[in-house]
Amino acid sequence: MPVQLDQGNLVLEGECNIDTAEALREHLLSLLQQGQSPIVVKTEAMTTVDVSVLQVFLAARVSLRQRGGQLIIQSSPLLTRLLHDAGLPDAALFS
C-alpha cells in the first residue's frame, strides 16, 4: 500500500494518485481525530504524484490549522516539481 504509518508518521511510497488519495485522506483524518500534531508526511519514496494528492494535503493543512495543529510534509523533488507545475509556491503547502 502506498500509504503507511511509521512511528506516527505517514510514509508515501510508489504511485500516489487518485487511486490512493482516499487512503491518504482516511489516514490523515484518523490522525487528526486522535489529536496528533504535528502530522508528518514523508514523500521521498513517491515515484508518481498527481493533483488529487495535493488536494488532500491542502485540505488537511486547513483542517489542522483550524485546530491549532500543523502538517509537516517532508518534500521530495517530485512533489516540489508538481507544486511548481501547478503554479503554487512551496509556501502554499509547506509554510
Protein backbone atom coordinates (compact mmCIF):
# COMPACT_ATOMS: atom_id res chain seq x y z
CA MET A 1 0.00 0.00 0.00
CA PRO A 2 1.43 3.41 -0.91
CA VAL A 3 0.32 4.98 2.41
CA GLN A 4 1.87 3.55 5.55
CA LEU A 5 2.10 4.61 9.16
CA ASP A 6 5.63 4.51 10.59
CA GLN A 7 6.22 5.65 14.18
CA GLY A 8 3.38 8.15 13.96
CA ASN A 9 4.47 9.48 10.57
CA LEU A 10 2.73 8.88 7.27
CA VAL A 11 5.06 7.49 4.62
CA LEU A 12 4.02 7.67 0.97
CA GLU A 13 5.64 5.19 -1.39
CA GLY A 14 5.30 4.38 -5.07
CA GLU A 15 2.44 5.73 -7.11
CA CYS A 16 0.39 8.29 -5.21
CA ASN A 17 -2.54 9.37 -7.31
CA ILE A 18 -6.32 9.49 -7.43
CA ASP A 19 -6.43 5.76 -6.68
CA THR A 20 -4.59 6.25 -3.36
CA ALA A 21 -5.84 9.71 -2.40
CA GLU A 22 -8.78 8.33 -0.40
CA ALA A 23 -6.49 6.08 1.68
CA LEU A 24 -4.27 9.09 2.36
CA ARG A 25 -7.30 11.18 3.34
CA GLU A 26 -8.50 8.46 5.73
CA HIS A 27 -5.08 8.15 7.39
CA LEU A 28 -4.82 11.91 7.82
CA LEU A 29 -8.38 12.13 9.19
CA SER A 30 -7.65 9.35 11.68
CA LEU A 31 -4.52 11.12 12.94
CA LEU A 32 -6.42 14.40 13.10
CA GLN A 33 -9.23 12.82 15.14
CA GLN A 34 -6.64 11.34 17.50
CA GLY A 35 -5.35 14.85 18.08
CA GLN A 36 -1.90 14.18 16.68
CA SER A 37 0.04 17.31 15.85
CA PRO A 38 2.19 17.85 14.09
CA ILE A 39 1.36 15.28 11.46
CA VAL A 40 4.48 14.44 9.48
CA VAL A 41 4.20 13.11 5.93
CA LYS A 42 7.29 11.70 4.26
CA THR A 43 7.16 11.84 0.46
CA GLU A 44 10.70 10.91 -0.53
CA ALA A 45 9.72 7.41 -1.74
CA MET A 46 6.92 8.52 -4.05
CA THR A 47 7.51 7.60 -7.68
CA THR A 48 4.48 9.45 -9.06
CA VAL A 49 2.10 12.01 -7.63
CA ASP A 50 -0.88 13.85 -9.02
CA VAL A 51 -3.07 16.77 -8.12
CA SER A 52 -5.55 14.65 -6.13
CA VAL A 53 -2.84 14.02 -3.53
CA LEU A 54 -2.02 17.72 -3.46
CA GLN A 55 -5.70 18.47 -2.79
CA VAL A 56 -5.67 16.06 0.17
CA PHE A 57 -2.57 17.79 1.58
CA LEU A 58 -4.13 21.23 1.25
CA ALA A 59 -7.40 20.15 2.90
CA ALA A 60 -5.51 18.51 5.78
CA ARG A 61 -3.38 21.62 6.23
CA VAL A 62 -6.50 23.80 6.52
CA SER A 63 -8.18 21.40 8.98
CA LEU A 64 -5.10 21.19 11.16
CA ARG A 65 -4.56 24.95 11.20
CA GLN A 66 -8.18 25.49 12.26
CA ARG A 67 -7.46 23.26 15.26
CA GLY A 68 -4.12 24.85 16.03
CA GLY A 69 -2.22 21.89 14.59
CA GLN A 70 0.46 21.58 11.98
CA LEU A 71 1.07 19.48 8.87
CA ILE A 72 4.73 18.91 8.07
CA ILE A 73 5.47 17.49 4.65
CA GLN A 74 8.99 16.32 4.06
CA SER A 75 9.04 17.17 0.39
CA SER A 76 10.61 15.30 -2.47
CA PRO A 77 11.82 16.71 -5.78
CA LEU A 78 8.76 15.10 -7.37
CA LEU A 79 6.32 16.97 -5.11
CA THR A 80 8.23 20.22 -5.46
CA ARG A 81 8.02 19.88 -9.26
CA LEU A 82 4.25 19.26 -9.05
CA LEU A 83 3.80 22.43 -6.99
CA HIS A 84 5.87 24.37 -9.50
CA ASP A 85 3.90 22.95 -12.46
CA ALA A 86 0.64 23.83 -10.70
CA GLY A 87 1.84 27.40 -10.25
CA LEU A 88 1.89 27.12 -6.48
CA PRO A 89 4.78 28.36 -4.39
CA ASP A 90 6.18 25.88 -1.91
CA ALA A 91 4.76 28.10 0.82
CA ALA A 92 1.21 27.24 -0.28
CA LEU A 93 1.68 23.81 1.20
CA PHE A 94 4.71 23.84 3.43
CA SER A 95 4.58 27.05 5.44
